[in-house]
């Protein structure tokens, strides 16, 4: 399924990571795909409230947790710059889908990075 939200379709997810050679594009691509799958799930499942949204974002956060090994194997890490960029994109997704009161820490509450 392709994302239909125009804001999301025009978003360059994880832009800062792509600009920095410390983060391998192939692994960043996988992170971008996690975010796009999250958007597809939001469009398909249409969460009725923040709690329902948090279920979706926490599942996507778990996928980022699983990417840590791939970053490390490539000589990189999910460190401060990456954490901030990922969190910002989760917040953007919440805003784009009509959840202006979403708490970024709740969106990524299951993170271990």
PDB file of N, CA and C in Angstrom:
ATOM      1  N   UNK A   1       0.841  -1.186   0.000  1.00  0.00           N
ATOM      2  CA  UNK A   1       0.000   0.000   0.000  1.00  0.00           C
ATOM      3  C   UNK A   1       0.883   1.245   0.000  1.00  0.00           C
ATOM      4  N   UNK A   2       0.539   2.183  -0.823  1.00  0.00           N
ATOM      5  CA  UNK A   2       1.278   3.445  -0.855  1.00  0.00           C
ATOM      6  C   UNK A   2       0.638   4.430   0.118  1.00  0.00           C
ATOM      7  N   UNK A   3       1.464   5.248   0.711  1.00  0.00           N
ATOM      8  CA  UNK A   3       1.000   6.278   1.629  1.00  0.00           C
ATOM      9  C   UNK A   3       0.218   7.329   0.835  1.00  0.00           C
ATOM     10  N   UNK A   4      -0.946   7.722   1.359  1.00  0.00           N
ATOM     11  CA  UNK A   4      -1.772   8.695   0.646  1.00  0.00           C
ATOM     12  C   UNK A   4      -1.733  10.084   1.269  1.00  0.00           C
ATOM     13  N   UNK A   5      -1.278  10.210   2.501  1.00  0.00           N
ATOM     14  CA  UNK A   5      -1.175  11.503   3.158  1.00  0.00           C
ATOM     15  C   UNK A   5      -0.113  12.335   2.430  1.00  0.00           C
ATOM     16  N   UNK A   6      -0.520  13.489   1.904  1.00  0.00           N
ATOM     17  CA  UNK A   6       0.396  14.311   1.104  1.00  0.00           C
ATOM     18  C   UNK A   6       1.588  14.817   1.906  1.00  0.00           C
ATOM     19  N   UNK A   7       1.370  15.183   3.169  1.00  0.00           N
ATOM     20  CA  UNK A   7       2.477  15.640   4.011  1.00  0.00           C
ATOM     21  C   UNK A   7       3.528  14.535   4.139  1.00  0.00           C
ATOM     22  N   UNK A   8       3.056  13.336   4.375  1.00  0.00           N
ATOM     23  CA  UNK A   8       3.958  12.203   4.569  1.00  0.00           C
ATOM     24  C   UNK A   8       4.647  11.840   3.262  1.00  0.00           C
ATOM     25  N   UNK A   9       3.888  11.819   2.189  1.00  0.00           N
ATOM     26  CA  UNK A   9       4.456  11.464   0.881  1.00  0.00           C
ATOM     27  C   UNK A   9       5.580  12.413   0.485  1.00  0.00           C
ATOM     28  N   UNK A  10       5.495  13.658   0.919  1.00  0.00           N
ATOM     29  CA  UNK A  10       6.521  14.642   0.588  1.00  0.00           C
ATOM     30  C   UNK A  10       7.656  14.733   1.588  1.00  0.00           C
ATOM     31  N   UNK A  11       7.617  13.925   2.626  1.00  0.00           N
ATOM     32  CA  UNK A  11       8.613  13.991   3.700  1.00  0.00           C
ATOM     33  C   UNK A  11       9.856  13.171   3.362  1.00  0.00           C
ATOM     34  N   UNK A  12      10.999  13.749   3.582  1.00  0.00           N
ATOM     35  CA  UNK A  12      12.270  13.022   3.456  1.00  0.00           C
ATOM     36  C   UNK A  12      12.634  12.537   4.866  1.00  0.00           C
ATOM     37  N   UNK A  13      12.201  11.327   5.201  1.00  0.00           N
ATOM     38  CA  UNK A  13      12.461  10.786   6.528  1.00  0.00           C
ATOM     39  C   UNK A  13      13.953  10.571   6.749  1.00  0.00           C
ATOM     40  N   UNK A  14      14.384  10.809   7.958  1.00  0.00           N
ATOM     41  CA  UNK A  14      15.767  10.570   8.419  1.00  0.00           C
ATOM     42  C   UNK A  14      16.793  11.349   7.594  1.00  0.00           C
ATOM     43  N   UNK A  15      16.404  12.524   7.161  1.00  0.00           N
ATOM     44  CA  UNK A  15      17.237  13.354   6.280  1.00  0.00           C
ATOM     45  C   UNK A  15      18.638  13.603   6.847  1.00  0.00           C
ATOM     46  N   UNK A  16      18.718  13.919   8.125  1.00  0.00           N
ATOM     47  CA  UNK A  16      20.032  14.205   8.718  1.00  0.00           C
ATOM     48  C   UNK A  16      20.944  12.983   8.699  1.00  0.00           C
ATOM     49  N   UNK A  17      20.358  11.814   8.804  1.00  0.00           N
ATOM     50  CA  UNK A  17      21.179  10.590   8.789  1.00  0.00           C
ATOM     51  C   UNK A  17      21.724  10.323   7.392  1.00  0.00           C
ATOM     52  N   UNK A  18      20.937  10.613   6.378  1.00  0.00           N
ATOM     53  CA  UNK A  18      21.412  10.438   5.006  1.00  0.00           C
ATOM     54  C   UNK A  18      22.547  11.411   4.678  1.00  0.00           C
ATOM     55  N   UNK A  19      22.539  12.573   5.305  1.00  0.00           N
ATOM     56  CA  UNK A  19      23.573  13.579   5.024  1.00  0.00           C
ATOM     57  C   UNK A  19      24.890  13.295   5.730  1.00  0.00           C
ATOM     58  N   UNK A  20      24.886  12.385   6.681  1.00  0.00           N
ATOM     59  CA  UNK A  20      26.071  12.111   7.492  1.00  0.00           C
ATOM     60  C   UNK A  20      26.614  10.728   7.143  1.00  0.00           C
ATOM     61  N   UNK A  21      27.868  10.681   6.677  1.00  0.00           N
ATOM     62  CA  UNK A  21      28.478   9.413   6.264  1.00  0.00           C
ATOM     63  C   UNK A  21      28.630   8.402   7.401  1.00  0.00           C
ATOM     64  N   UNK A  22      28.482   8.845   8.637  1.00  0.00           N
ATOM     65  CA  UNK A  22      28.572   7.931   9.777  1.00  0.00           C
ATOM     66  C   UNK A  22      27.456   6.889   9.739  1.00  0.00           C
ATOM     67  N   UNK A  23      26.335   7.254   9.141  1.00  0.00           N
ATOM     68  CA  UNK A  23      25.186   6.366   9.073  1.00  0.00           C
ATOM     69  C   UNK A  23      25.106   5.745   7.680  1.00  0.00           C
ATOM     70  N   UNK A  24      25.248   4.438   7.576  1.00  0.00           N
ATOM     71  CA  UNK A  24      25.221   3.790   6.263  1.00  0.00           C
ATOM     72  C   UNK A  24      23.828   3.865   5.629  1.00  0.00           C
ATOM     73  N   UNK A  25      23.784   4.309   4.394  1.00  0.00           N
ATOM     74  CA  UNK A  25      22.507   4.492   3.707  1.00  0.00           C
ATOM     75  C   UNK A  25      21.648   3.230   3.712  1.00  0.00           C
ATOM     76  N   UNK A  26      22.263   2.073   3.536  1.00  0.00           N
ATOM     77  CA  UNK A  26      21.488   0.826   3.477  1.00  0.00           C
ATOM     78  C   UNK A  26      20.731   0.581   4.781  1.00  0.00           C
ATOM     79  N   UNK A  27      21.324   0.928   5.911  1.00  0.00           N
ATOM     80  CA  UNK A  27      20.656   0.745   7.198  1.00  0.00           C
ATOM     81  C   UNK A  27      19.643   1.874   7.419  1.00  0.00           C
ATOM     82  N   UNK A  28      19.995   3.073   7.016  1.00  0.00           N
ATOM     83  CA  UNK A  28      19.059   4.194   7.135  1.00  0.00           C
ATOM     84  C   UNK A  28      17.830   3.920   6.270  1.00  0.00           C
ATOM     85  N   UNK A  29      18.028   3.312   5.103  1.00  0.00           N
ATOM     86  CA  UNK A  29      16.896   2.930   4.251  1.00  0.00           C
ATOM     87  C   UNK A  29      15.931   2.031   5.020  1.00  0.00           C
ATOM     88  N   UNK A  30      16.468   1.117   5.784  1.00  0.00           N
ATOM     89  CA  UNK A  30      15.622   0.218   6.573  1.00  0.00           C
ATOM     90  C   UNK A  30      14.839   0.994   7.630  1.00  0.00           C
ATOM     91  N   UNK A  31      15.460   1.999   8.224  1.00  0.00           N
ATOM     92  CA  UNK A  31      14.765   2.848   9.182  1.00  0.00           C
ATOM     93  C   UNK A  31      13.667   3.659   8.517  1.00  0.00           C
ATOM     94  N   UNK A  32      13.966   4.196   7.349  1.00  0.00           N
ATOM     95  CA  UNK A  32      12.945   4.938   6.587  1.00  0.00           C
ATOM     96  C   UNK A  32      11.760   4.024   6.276  1.00  0.00           C
ATOM     97  N   UNK A  33      12.059   2.773   5.936  1.00  0.00           N
ATOM     98  CA  UNK A  33      10.994   1.822   5.635  1.00  0.00           C
ATOM     99  C   UNK A  33      10.124   1.533   6.862  1.00  0.00           C
ATOM    100  N   UNK A  34      10.739   1.517   8.039  1.00  0.00           N
ATOM    101  CA  UNK A  34       9.972   1.341   9.281  1.00  0.00           C
ATOM    102  C   UNK A  34       8.965   2.489   9.418  1.00  0.00           C
ATOM    103  N   UNK A  35       9.424   3.695   9.181  1.00  0.00           N
ATOM    104  CA  UNK A  35       8.547   4.861   9.303  1.00  0.00           C
ATOM    105  C   UNK A  35       7.433   4.841   8.255  1.00  0.00           C
ATOM    106  N   UNK A  36       7.760   4.439   7.051  1.00  0.00           N
ATOM    107  CA  UNK A  36       6.730   4.356   6.016  1.00  0.00           C
ATOM    108  C   UNK A  36       5.711   3.267   6.325  1.00  0.00           C
ATOM    109  N   UNK A  37       6.167   2.139   6.855  1.00  0.00           N
ATOM    110  CA  UNK A  37       5.225   1.089   7.272  1.00  0.00           C
ATOM    111  C   UNK A  37       4.323   1.591   8.397  1.00  0.00           C
ATOM    112  N   UNK A  38       4.891   2.376   9.308  1.00  0.00           N
ATOM    113  CA  UNK A  38       4.091   2.969  10.371  1.00  0.00           C
ATOM    114  C   UNK A  38       2.993   3.835   9.757  1.00  0.00           C
ATOM    115  N   UNK A  39       3.336   4.657   8.800  1.00  0.00           N
ATOM    116  CA  UNK A  39       2.348   5.516   8.149  1.00  0.00           C
ATOM    117  C   UNK A  39       1.266   4.675   7.462  1.00  0.00           C
ATOM    118  N   UNK A  40       1.675   3.621   6.804  1.00  0.00           N
ATOM    119  CA  UNK A  40       0.702   2.741   6.158  1.00  0.00           C
ATOM    120  C   UNK A  40      -0.243   2.130   7.187  1.00  0.00           C
ATOM    121  N   UNK A  41       0.296   1.714   8.328  1.00  0.00           N
ATOM    122  CA  UNK A  41      -0.551   1.141   9.381  1.00  0.00           C
ATOM    123  C   UNK A  41      -1.516   2.185   9.927  1.00  0.00           C
ATOM    124  N   UNK A  42      -1.035   3.417  10.112  1.00  0.00           N
ATOM    125  CA  UNK A  42      -1.922   4.477  10.608  1.00  0.00           C
ATOM    126  C   UNK A  42      -3.058   4.698   9.610  1.00  0.00           C
ATOM    127  N   UNK A  43      -2.739   4.722   8.327  1.00  0.00           N
ATOM    128  CA  UNK A  43      -3.773   4.939   7.317  1.00  0.00           C
ATOM    129  C   UNK A  43      -4.739   3.760   7.234  1.00  0.00           C
ATOM    130  N   UNK A  44      -4.241   2.566   7.406  1.00  0.00           N
ATOM    131  CA  UNK A  44      -5.084   1.369   7.331  1.00  0.00           C
ATOM    132  C   UNK A  44      -5.928   1.186   8.588  1.00  0.00           C
ATOM    133  N   UNK A  45      -5.292   1.311   9.747  1.00  0.00           N
ATOM    134  CA  UNK A  45      -5.969   1.021  11.010  1.00  0.00           C
ATOM    135  C   UNK A  45      -6.708   2.218  11.594  1.00  0.00           C
ATOM    136  N   UNK A  46      -6.346   3.424  11.162  1.00  0.00           N
ATOM    137  CA  UNK A  46      -6.991   4.662  11.607  1.00  0.00           C
ATOM    138  C   UNK A  46      -7.217   4.684  13.125  1.00  0.00           C
ATOM    139  N   UNK A  47      -6.137   4.802  13.880  1.00  0.00           N
ATOM    140  CA  UNK A  47      -6.282   4.814  15.341  1.00  0.00           C
ATOM    141  C   UNK A  47      -7.233   5.924  15.789  1.00  0.00           C
ATOM    142  N   UNK A  48      -8.131   5.566  16.708  1.00  0.00           N
ATOM    143  CA  UNK A  48      -9.178   6.492  17.145  1.00  0.00           C
ATOM    144  C   UNK A  48      -8.699   7.506  18.175  1.00  0.00           C
ATOM    145  N   UNK A  49      -7.603   7.161  18.867  1.00  0.00           N
ATOM    146  CA  UNK A  49      -7.124   8.052  19.925  1.00  0.00           C
ATOM    147  C   UNK A  49      -5.622   7.854  20.104  1.00  0.00           C
ATOM    148  N   UNK A  50      -5.058   8.628  21.015  1.00  0.00           N
ATOM    149  CA  UNK A  50      -3.614   8.566  21.244  1.00  0.00           C
ATOM    150  C   UNK A  50      -3.166   7.191  21.705  1.00  0.00           C
ATOM    151  N   UNK A  51      -3.941   6.546  22.563  1.00  0.00           N
ATOM    152  CA  UNK A  51      -3.542   5.219  23.033  1.00  0.00           C
ATOM    153  C   UNK A  51      -3.406   4.240  21.873  1.00  0.00           C
ATOM    154  N   UNK A  52      -4.330   4.312  20.929  1.00  0.00           N
ATOM    155  CA  UNK A  52      -4.264   3.430  19.762  1.00  0.00           C
ATOM    156  C   UNK A  52      -3.065   3.797  18.875  1.00  0.00           C
ATOM    157  N   UNK A  53      -2.788   5.085  18.757  1.00  0.00           N
ATOM    158  CA  UNK A  53      -1.608   5.511  17.998  1.00  0.00           C
ATOM    159  C   UNK A  53      -0.339   5.010  18.667  1.00  0.00           C
ATOM    160  N   UNK A  54      -0.266   5.130  19.991  1.00  0.00           N
ATOM    161  CA  UNK A  54       0.927   4.702  20.717  1.00  0.00           C
ATOM    162  C   UNK A  54       1.197   3.209  20.523  1.00  0.00           C
ATOM    163  N   UNK A  55       0.171   2.408  20.392  1.00  0.00           N
ATOM    164  CA  UNK A  55       0.370   0.979  20.124  1.00  0.00           C
ATOM    165  C   UNK A  55       1.144   0.814  18.806  1.00  0.00           C
ATOM    166  N   UNK A  56       0.745   1.569  17.800  1.00  0.00           N
ATOM    167  CA  UNK A  56       1.409   1.481  16.491  1.00  0.00           C
ATOM    168  C   UNK A  56       2.829   2.024  16.533  1.00  0.00           C
ATOM    169  N   UNK A  57       3.011   3.174  17.198  1.00  0.00           N
ATOM    170  CA  UNK A  57       4.350   3.766  17.211  1.00  0.00           C
ATOM    171  C   UNK A  57       5.319   2.939  18.048  1.00  0.00           C
ATOM    172  N   UNK A  58       4.822   2.328  19.081  1.00  0.00           N
ATOM    173  CA  UNK A  58       5.697   1.496  19.908  1.00  0.00           C
ATOM    174  C   UNK A  58       6.132   0.248  19.159  1.00  0.00           C
ATOM    175  N   UNK A  59       5.258  -0.296  18.336  1.00  0.00           N
ATOM    176  CA  UNK A  59       5.654  -1.443  17.502  1.00  0.00           C
ATOM    177  C   UNK A  59       6.743  -1.017  16.517  1.00  0.00           C
ATOM    178  N   UNK A  60       6.605   0.164  15.939  1.00  0.00           N
ATOM    179  CA  UNK A  60       7.634   0.668  15.019  1.00  0.00           C
ATOM    180  C   UNK A  60       8.930   0.953  15.766  1.00  0.00           C
ATOM    181  N   UNK A  61       8.818   1.425  16.993  1.00  0.00           N
ATOM    182  CA  UNK A  61      10.014   1.670  17.805  1.00  0.00           C
ATOM    183  C   UNK A  61      10.763   0.368  18.050  1.00  0.00           C
ATOM    184  N   UNK A  62      10.032  -0.708  18.266  1.00  0.00           N
ATOM    185  CA  UNK A  62      10.662  -2.019  18.447  1.00  0.00           C
ATOM    186  C   UNK A  62      11.452  -2.406  17.195  1.00  0.00           C
ATOM    187  N   UNK A  63      10.944  -2.038  16.039  1.00  0.00           N
ATOM    188  CA  UNK A  63      11.679  -2.321  14.798  1.00  0.00           C
ATOM    189  C   UNK A  63      12.988  -1.530  14.763  1.00  0.00           C
ATOM    190  N   UNK A  64      12.958  -0.297  15.238  1.00  0.00           N
ATOM    191  CA  UNK A  64      14.201   0.476  15.328  1.00  0.00           C
ATOM    192  C   UNK A  64      15.143  -0.164  16.348  1.00  0.00           C
ATOM    193  N   UNK A  65      14.608  -0.676  17.435  1.00  0.00           N
ATOM    194  CA  UNK A  65      15.451  -1.380  18.407  1.00  0.00           C
ATOM    195  C   UNK A  65      16.202  -2.516  17.718  1.00  0.00           C
ATOM    196  N   UNK A  66      15.493  -3.233  16.864  1.00  0.00           N
ATOM    197  CA  UNK A  66      16.107  -4.353  16.147  1.00  0.00           C
ATOM    198  C   UNK A  66      17.163  -3.893  15.142  1.00  0.00           C
ATOM    199  N   UNK A  67      17.074  -2.660  14.682  1.00  0.00           N
ATOM    200  CA  UNK A  67      18.061  -2.131  13.726  1.00  0.00           C
ATOM    201  C   UNK A  67      19.398  -1.775  14.383  1.00  0.00           C
ATOM    202  N   UNK A  68      19.423  -1.686  15.685  1.00  0.00           N
ATOM    203  CA  UNK A  68      20.673  -1.310  16.357  1.00  0.00           C
ATOM    204  C   UNK A  68      21.831  -2.211  15.946  1.00  0.00           C
ATOM    205  N   UNK A  69      21.587  -3.506  15.882  1.00  0.00           N
ATOM    206  CA  UNK A  69      22.655  -4.435  15.500  1.00  0.00           C
ATOM    207  C   UNK A  69      23.158  -4.143  14.092  1.00  0.00           C
ATOM    208  N   UNK A  70      22.243  -3.840  13.183  1.00  0.00           N
ATOM    209  CA  UNK A  70      22.649  -3.530  11.808  1.00  0.00           C
ATOM    210  C   UNK A  70      23.507  -2.268  11.762  1.00  0.00           C
ATOM    211  N   UNK A  71      23.137  -1.267  12.547  1.00  0.00           N
ATOM    212  CA  UNK A  71      23.967  -0.060  12.612  1.00  0.00           C
ATOM    213  C   UNK A  71      25.354  -0.402  13.156  1.00  0.00           C
ATOM    214  N   UNK A  72      25.401  -1.168  14.223  1.00  0.00           N
ATOM    215  CA  UNK A  72      26.691  -1.518  14.838  1.00  0.00           C
ATOM    216  C   UNK A  72      27.548  -2.358  13.898  1.00  0.00           C
ATOM    217  N   UNK A  73      26.945  -3.302  13.195  1.00  0.00           N
ATOM    218  CA  UNK A  73      27.691  -4.129  12.246  1.00  0.00           C
ATOM    219  C   UNK A  73      28.289  -3.289  11.128  1.00  0.00           C
ATOM    220  N   UNK A  74      27.656  -2.168  10.826  1.00  0.00           N
ATOM    221  CA  UNK A  74      28.138  -1.268   9.776  1.00  0.00           C
ATOM    222  C   UNK A  74      29.062  -0.189  10.328  1.00  0.00           C
ATOM    223  N   UNK A  75      29.450  -0.308  11.612  1.00  0.00           N
ATOM    224  CA  UNK A  75      30.364   0.653  12.206  1.00  0.00           C
ATOM    225  C   UNK A  75      29.694   1.936  12.649  1.00  0.00           C
ATOM    226  N   UNK A  76      28.418   1.878  12.895  1.00  0.00           N
ATOM    227  CA  UNK A  76      27.652   3.053  13.278  1.00  0.00           C
ATOM    228  C   UNK A  76      26.887   2.746  14.564  1.00  0.00           C
ATOM    229  N   UNK A  77      25.975   3.628  14.930  1.00  0.00           N
ATOM    230  CA  UNK A  77      25.210   3.442  16.160  1.00  0.00           C
ATOM    231  C   UNK A  77      24.013   4.385  16.138  1.00  0.00           C
ATOM    232  N   UNK A  78      22.983   4.040  16.878  1.00  0.00           N
ATOM    233  CA  UNK A  78      21.876   4.972  17.081  1.00  0.00           C
ATOM    234  C   UNK A  78      22.251   5.792  18.304  1.00  0.00           C
ATOM    235  N   UNK A  79      22.927   6.919  18.038  1.00  0.00           N
ATOM    236  CA  UNK A  79      23.381   7.796  19.120  1.00  0.00           C
ATOM    237  C   UNK A  79      22.596   9.087  19.082  1.00  0.00           C
ATOM    238  N   UNK A  80      23.079  10.119  19.713  1.00  0.00           N
ATOM    239  CA  UNK A  80      22.294  11.330  19.940  1.00  0.00           C
ATOM    240  C   UNK A  80      21.672  11.909  18.676  1.00  0.00           C
ATOM    241  N   UNK A  81      22.439  12.099  17.634  1.00  0.00           N
ATOM    242  CA  UNK A  81      21.898  12.681  16.403  1.00  0.00           C
ATOM    243  C   UNK A  81      20.806  11.788  15.839  1.00  0.00           C
ATOM    244  N   UNK A  82      21.077  10.500  15.776  1.00  0.00           N
ATOM    245  CA  UNK A  82      20.087   9.560  15.240  1.00  0.00           C
ATOM    246  C   UNK A  82      18.840   9.506  16.120  1.00  0.00           C
ATOM    247  N   UNK A  83      19.036   9.467  17.429  1.00  0.00           N
ATOM    248  CA  UNK A  83      17.877   9.431  18.337  1.00  0.00           C
ATOM    249  C   UNK A  83      16.968  10.633  18.114  1.00  0.00           C
ATOM    250  N   UNK A  84      17.572  11.804  18.018  1.00  0.00           N
ATOM    251  CA  UNK A  84      16.783  13.024  17.816  1.00  0.00           C
ATOM    252  C   UNK A  84      16.059  13.012  16.477  1.00  0.00           C
ATOM    253  N   UNK A  85      16.737  12.566  15.449  1.00  0.00           N
ATOM    254  CA  UNK A  85      16.136  12.541  14.109  1.00  0.00           C
ATOM    255  C   UNK A  85      14.986  11.539  14.056  1.00  0.00           C
ATOM    256  N   UNK A  86      15.183  10.376  14.625  1.00  0.00           N
ATOM    257  CA  UNK A  86      14.123   9.357  14.652  1.00  0.00           C
ATOM    258  C   UNK A  86      12.926   9.874  15.447  1.00  0.00           C
ATOM    259  N   UNK A  87      13.180  10.414  16.622  1.00  0.00           N
ATOM    260  CA  UNK A  87      12.094  10.937  17.456  1.00  0.00           C
ATOM    261  C   UNK A  87      11.329  12.037  16.730  1.00  0.00           C
ATOM    262  N   UNK A  88      12.045  12.924  16.052  1.00  0.00           N
ATOM    263  CA  UNK A  88      11.393  14.002  15.314  1.00  0.00           C
ATOM    264  C   UNK A  88      10.480  13.459  14.225  1.00  0.00           C
ATOM    265  N   UNK A  89      10.928  12.401  13.545  1.00  0.00           N
ATOM    266  CA  UNK A  89      10.094  11.825  12.490  1.00  0.00           C
ATOM    267  C   UNK A  89       8.869  11.112  13.064  1.00  0.00           C
ATOM    268  N   UNK A  90       8.996  10.484  14.217  1.00  0.00           N
ATOM    269  CA  UNK A  90       7.821   9.899  14.864  1.00  0.00           C
ATOM    270  C   UNK A  90       6.828  11.010  15.217  1.00  0.00           C
ATOM    271  N   UNK A  91       7.326  12.108  15.752  1.00  0.00           N
ATOM    272  CA  UNK A  91       6.470  13.230  16.108  1.00  0.00           C
ATOM    273  C   UNK A  91       5.790  13.797  14.859  1.00  0.00           C
ATOM    274  N   UNK A  92       6.541  13.923  13.769  1.00  0.00           N
ATOM    275  CA  UNK A  92       5.977  14.399  12.506  1.00  0.00           C
ATOM    276  C   UNK A  92       4.820  13.502  12.064  1.00  0.00           C
ATOM    277  N   UNK A  93       5.005  12.196  12.140  1.00  0.00           N
ATOM    278  CA  UNK A  93       3.956  11.256  11.737  1.00  0.00           C
ATOM    279  C   UNK A  93       2.689  11.507  12.568  1.00  0.00           C
ATOM    280  N   UNK A  94       2.855  11.627  13.865  1.00  0.00           N
ATOM    281  CA  UNK A  94       1.700  11.873  14.735  1.00  0.00           C
ATOM    282  C   UNK A  94       0.983  13.162  14.319  1.00  0.00           C
ATOM    283  N   UNK A  95       1.733  14.220  14.060  1.00  0.00           N
ATOM    284  CA  UNK A  95       1.146  15.496  13.658  1.00  0.00           C
ATOM    285  C   UNK A  95       0.437  15.371  12.312  1.00  0.00           C
ATOM    286  N   UNK A  96       1.083  14.699  11.381  1.00  0.00           N
ATOM    287  CA  UNK A  96       0.539  14.576  10.026  1.00  0.00           C
ATOM    288  C   UNK A  96      -0.784  13.821   9.997  1.00  0.00           C
ATOM    289  N   UNK A  97      -0.967  12.942  10.967  1.00  0.00           N
ATOM    290  CA  UNK A  97      -2.198  12.158  11.009  1.00  0.00           C
ATOM    291  C   UNK A  97      -3.196  12.662  12.049  1.00  0.00           C
ATOM    292  N   UNK A  98      -3.024  13.906  12.469  1.00  0.00           N
ATOM    293  CA  UNK A  98      -4.035  14.537  13.280  1.00  0.00           C
ATOM    294  C   UNK A  98      -3.957  14.289  14.773  1.00  0.00           C
ATOM    295  N   UNK A  99      -2.754  14.059  15.285  1.00  0.00           N
ATOM    296  CA  UNK A  99      -2.570  13.857  16.717  1.00  0.00           C
ATOM    297  C   UNK A  99      -1.630  14.933  17.278  1.00  0.00           C
ATOM    298  N   UNK A 100      -2.112  16.175  17.341  1.00  0.00           N
ATOM    299  CA  UNK A 100      -1.256  17.282  17.775  1.00  0.00           C
ATOM    300  C   UNK A 100      -0.826  17.198  19.236  1.00  0.00           C
ATOM    301  N   UNK A 101      -1.534  16.426  20.039  1.00  0.00           N
ATOM    302  CA  UNK A 101      -1.202  16.314  21.461  1.00  0.00           C
ATOM    303  C   UNK A 101      -0.308  15.122  21.780  1.00  0.00           C
ATOM    304  N   UNK A 102       0.181  14.462  20.757  1.00  0.00           N
ATOM    305  CA  UNK A 102       1.036  13.293  20.986  1.00  0.00           C
ATOM    306  C   UNK A 102       2.310  13.706  21.719  1.00  0.00           C
ATOM    307  N   UNK A 103       2.693  12.897  22.665  1.00  0.00           N
ATOM    308  CA  UNK A 103       3.919  13.112  23.444  1.00  0.00           C
ATOM    309  C   UNK A 103       5.025  12.288  22.790  1.00  0.00           C
ATOM    310  N   UNK A 104       6.080  12.952  22.360  1.00  0.00           N
ATOM    311  CA  UNK A 104       7.139  12.248  21.630  1.00  0.00           C
ATOM    312  C   UNK A 104       7.744  11.121  22.464  1.00  0.00           C
ATOM    313  N   UNK A 105       7.863  11.317  23.763  1.00  0.00           N
ATOM    314  CA  UNK A 105       8.429  10.255  24.610  1.00  0.00           C
ATOM    315  C   UNK A 105       7.502   9.057  24.679  1.00  0.00           C
ATOM    316  N   UNK A 106       6.208   9.297  24.625  1.00  0.00           N
ATOM    317  CA  UNK A 106       5.248   8.187  24.607  1.00  0.00           C
ATOM    318  C   UNK A 106       5.255   7.486  23.249  1.00  0.00           C
ATOM    319  N   UNK A 107       5.468   8.251  22.195  1.00  0.00           N
ATOM    320  CA  UNK A 107       5.509   7.658  20.859  1.00  0.00           C
ATOM    321  C   UNK A 107       6.615   6.608  20.758  1.00  0.00           C
ATOM    322  N   UNK A 108       7.738   6.867  21.416  1.00  0.00           N
ATOM    323  CA  UNK A 108       8.906   5.979  21.315  1.00  0.00           C
ATOM    324  C   UNK A 108       9.263   5.367  22.671  1.00  0.00           C
ATOM    325  N   UNK A 109       8.239   5.147  23.483  1.00  0.00           N
ATOM    326  CA  UNK A 109       8.467   4.707  24.869  1.00  0.00           C
ATOM    327  C   UNK A 109       9.220   3.382  24.985  1.00  0.00           C
ATOM    328  N   UNK A 110       9.129   2.536  23.993  1.00  0.00           N
ATOM    329  CA  UNK A 110       9.777   1.221  24.084  1.00  0.00           C
ATOM    330  C   UNK A 110      11.208   1.221  23.529  1.00  0.00           C
ATOM    331  N   UNK A 111      11.742   2.378  23.247  1.00  0.00           N
ATOM    332  CA  UNK A 111      13.092   2.438  22.664  1.00  0.00           C
ATOM    333  C   UNK A 111      14.145   1.970  23.675  1.00  0.00           C
ATOM    334  N   UNK A 112      15.194   1.389  23.133  1.00  0.00           N
ATOM    335  CA  UNK A 112      16.361   1.065  23.962  1.00  0.00           C
ATOM    336  C   UNK A 112      17.625   1.642  23.326  1.00  0.00           C
ATOM    337  N   UNK A 113      17.456   2.758  22.652  1.00  0.00           N
ATOM    338  CA  UNK A 113      18.559   3.471  22.024  1.00  0.00           C
ATOM    339  C   UNK A 113      18.577   4.873  22.535  1.00  0.00           C
TER     340      UNK A 113
END
